[in-house]
Amino acid sequence: MRILNAPQQLLLLLGTALLVRLTHTVQDGDRERGDVPGWVMITLMSASLVALIMVLAQDALKLMFESAMAKVNNT
């Protein structure tokens, strides 16, 4: 398991707090507004997951990218 540094912990904490707040806002909101709040929540949750994956897998993704670029440059 990887230990997160302070900026990564702050990003994760803020993302989690935002998702909790949006979830409560959507659940407490007007039911006549349609499904827009649901789509907003799904979009933000997806963006948060991408950010979390980037934080956790940044080193591996960077290594994969550099390896692929080295192969392209060598041919």
C-alpha atoms as a PDB file:
ATOM      1  CA  MET A   1       0.000   0.000   0.000  1.00  0.00           C
ATOM      2  CA  ARG A   2       1.321   3.430  -0.940  1.00  0.00           C
ATOM      3  CA  ILE A   3       1.464   6.267   1.585  1.00  0.00           C
ATOM      4  CA  LEU A   4       0.179   9.560   0.219  1.00  0.00           C
ATOM      5  CA  ASN A   5       2.056  12.804   0.752  1.00  0.00           C
ATOM      6  CA  ALA A   6       0.342  15.911   2.186  1.00  0.00           C
ATOM      7  CA  PRO A   7      -0.910  17.428  -1.130  1.00  0.00           C
ATOM      8  CA  GLN A   8      -2.275  14.066  -2.247  1.00  0.00           C
ATOM      9  CA  GLN A   9      -4.038  13.582   1.096  1.00  0.00           C
ATOM     10  CA  LEU A  10      -5.553  17.058   0.813  1.00  0.00           C
ATOM     11  CA  LEU A  11      -6.764  16.352  -2.734  1.00  0.00           C
ATOM     12  CA  LEU A  12      -8.336  13.076  -1.638  1.00  0.00           C
ATOM     13  CA  LEU A  13      -9.966  14.708   1.402  1.00  0.00           C
ATOM     14  CA  LEU A  14     -11.391  17.604  -0.634  1.00  0.00           C
ATOM     15  CA  GLY A  15     -12.693  15.257  -3.316  1.00  0.00           C
ATOM     16  CA  THR A  16     -14.392  13.071  -0.739  1.00  0.00           C
ATOM     17  CA  ALA A  17     -15.933  16.077   1.020  1.00  0.00           C
ATOM     18  CA  LEU A  18     -17.221  17.412  -2.303  1.00  0.00           C
ATOM     19  CA  LEU A  19     -18.822  14.082  -3.183  1.00  0.00           C
ATOM     20  CA  VAL A  20     -20.496  13.810   0.228  1.00  0.00           C
ATOM     21  CA  ARG A  21     -21.858  17.356  -0.042  1.00  0.00           C
ATOM     22  CA  LEU A  22     -23.120  16.811  -3.586  1.00  0.00           C
ATOM     23  CA  THR A  23     -24.767  13.549  -2.593  1.00  0.00           C
ATOM     24  CA  HIS A  24     -26.680  15.272   0.209  1.00  0.00           C
ATOM     25  CA  THR A  25     -27.593  18.188  -2.071  1.00  0.00           C
ATOM     26  CA  VAL A  26     -28.948  15.868  -4.745  1.00  0.00           C
ATOM     27  CA  GLN A  27     -30.894  13.760  -2.252  1.00  0.00           C
ATOM     28  CA  ASP A  28     -32.417  16.804  -0.535  1.00  0.00           C
ATOM     29  CA  GLY A  29     -33.139  18.710  -3.745  1.00  0.00           C
ATOM     30  CA  ASP A  30     -36.360  19.257  -5.646  1.00  0.00           C
ATOM     31  CA  ARG A  31     -37.599  16.046  -7.302  1.00  0.00           C
ATOM     32  CA  GLU A  32     -39.045  18.006 -10.244  1.00  0.00           C
ATOM     33  CA  ARG A  33     -35.639  19.097 -11.488  1.00  0.00           C
ATOM     34  CA  GLY A  34     -35.156  15.994 -13.581  1.00  0.00           C
ATOM     35  CA  ASP A  35     -32.053  13.842 -13.721  1.00  0.00           C
ATOM     36  CA  VAL A  36     -29.493  16.628 -14.197  1.00  0.00           C
ATOM     37  CA  PRO A  37     -28.199  16.480 -10.597  1.00  0.00           C
ATOM     38  CA  GLY A  38     -27.685  12.736 -11.007  1.00  0.00           C
ATOM     39  CA  TRP A  39     -25.592  13.247 -14.118  1.00  0.00           C
ATOM     40  CA  VAL A  40     -23.590  15.988 -12.431  1.00  0.00           C
ATOM     41  CA  MET A  41     -22.893  13.679  -9.505  1.00  0.00           C
ATOM     42  CA  ILE A  42     -21.864  10.828 -11.825  1.00  0.00           C
ATOM     43  CA  THR A  43     -19.562  13.155 -13.766  1.00  0.00           C
ATOM     44  CA  LEU A  44     -17.914  14.477 -10.608  1.00  0.00           C
ATOM     45  CA  MET A  45     -17.558  10.986  -9.150  1.00  0.00           C
ATOM     46  CA  SER A  46     -15.928   9.806 -12.382  1.00  0.00           C
ATOM     47  CA  ALA A  47     -13.543  12.771 -12.363  1.00  0.00           C
ATOM     48  CA  SER A  48     -12.697  12.064  -8.715  1.00  0.00           C
ATOM     49  CA  LEU A  49     -11.969   8.425  -9.497  1.00  0.00           C
ATOM     50  CA  VAL A  50      -9.673   9.450 -12.363  1.00  0.00           C
ATOM     51  CA  ALA A  51      -7.872  11.892 -10.052  1.00  0.00           C
ATOM     52  CA  LEU A  52      -7.518   9.223  -7.366  1.00  0.00           C
ATOM     53  CA  ILE A  53      -6.164   6.687  -9.857  1.00  0.00           C
ATOM     54  CA  MET A  54      -3.714   9.287 -11.155  1.00  0.00           C
ATOM     55  CA  VAL A  55      -2.496   9.995  -7.625  1.00  0.00           C
ATOM     56  CA  LEU A  56      -2.090   6.333  -6.741  1.00  0.00           C
ATOM     57  CA  ALA A  57      -0.685   5.105 -10.070  1.00  0.00           C
ATOM     58  CA  GLN A  58       1.241   8.187 -11.198  1.00  0.00           C
ATOM     59  CA  ASP A  59       4.665   6.548 -11.023  1.00  0.00           C
ATOM     60  CA  ALA A  60       3.578   3.445 -12.952  1.00  0.00           C
ATOM     61  CA  LEU A  61       1.755   5.500 -15.595  1.00  0.00           C
ATOM     62  CA  LYS A  62       4.765   7.786 -16.015  1.00  0.00           C
ATOM     63  CA  LEU A  63       7.051   4.774 -16.444  1.00  0.00           C
ATOM     64  CA  MET A  64       4.700   3.218 -19.020  1.00  0.00           C
ATOM     65  CA  PHE A  65       4.524   6.485 -20.981  1.00  0.00           C
ATOM     66  CA  GLU A  66       8.290   6.988 -20.954  1.00  0.00           C
ATOM     67  CA  SER A  67       8.844   3.392 -22.034  1.00  0.00           C
ATOM     68  CA  ALA A  68       6.386   3.748 -24.919  1.00  0.00           C
ATOM     69  CA  MET A  69       7.973   7.028 -26.029  1.00  0.00           C
ATOM     70  CA  ALA A  70      11.446   5.464 -25.911  1.00  0.00           C
ATOM     71  CA  LYS A  71      10.253   2.625 -28.147  1.00  0.00           C
ATOM     72  CA  VAL A  72       8.755   5.069 -30.639  1.00  0.00           C
ATOM     73  CA  ASN A  73      11.902   7.208 -30.687  1.00  0.00           C
ATOM     74  CA  ASN A  74      14.189   4.193 -31.193  1.00  0.00           C
ATOM     75  CA  THR A  75      12.378   2.959 -34.319  1.00  0.00           C
END
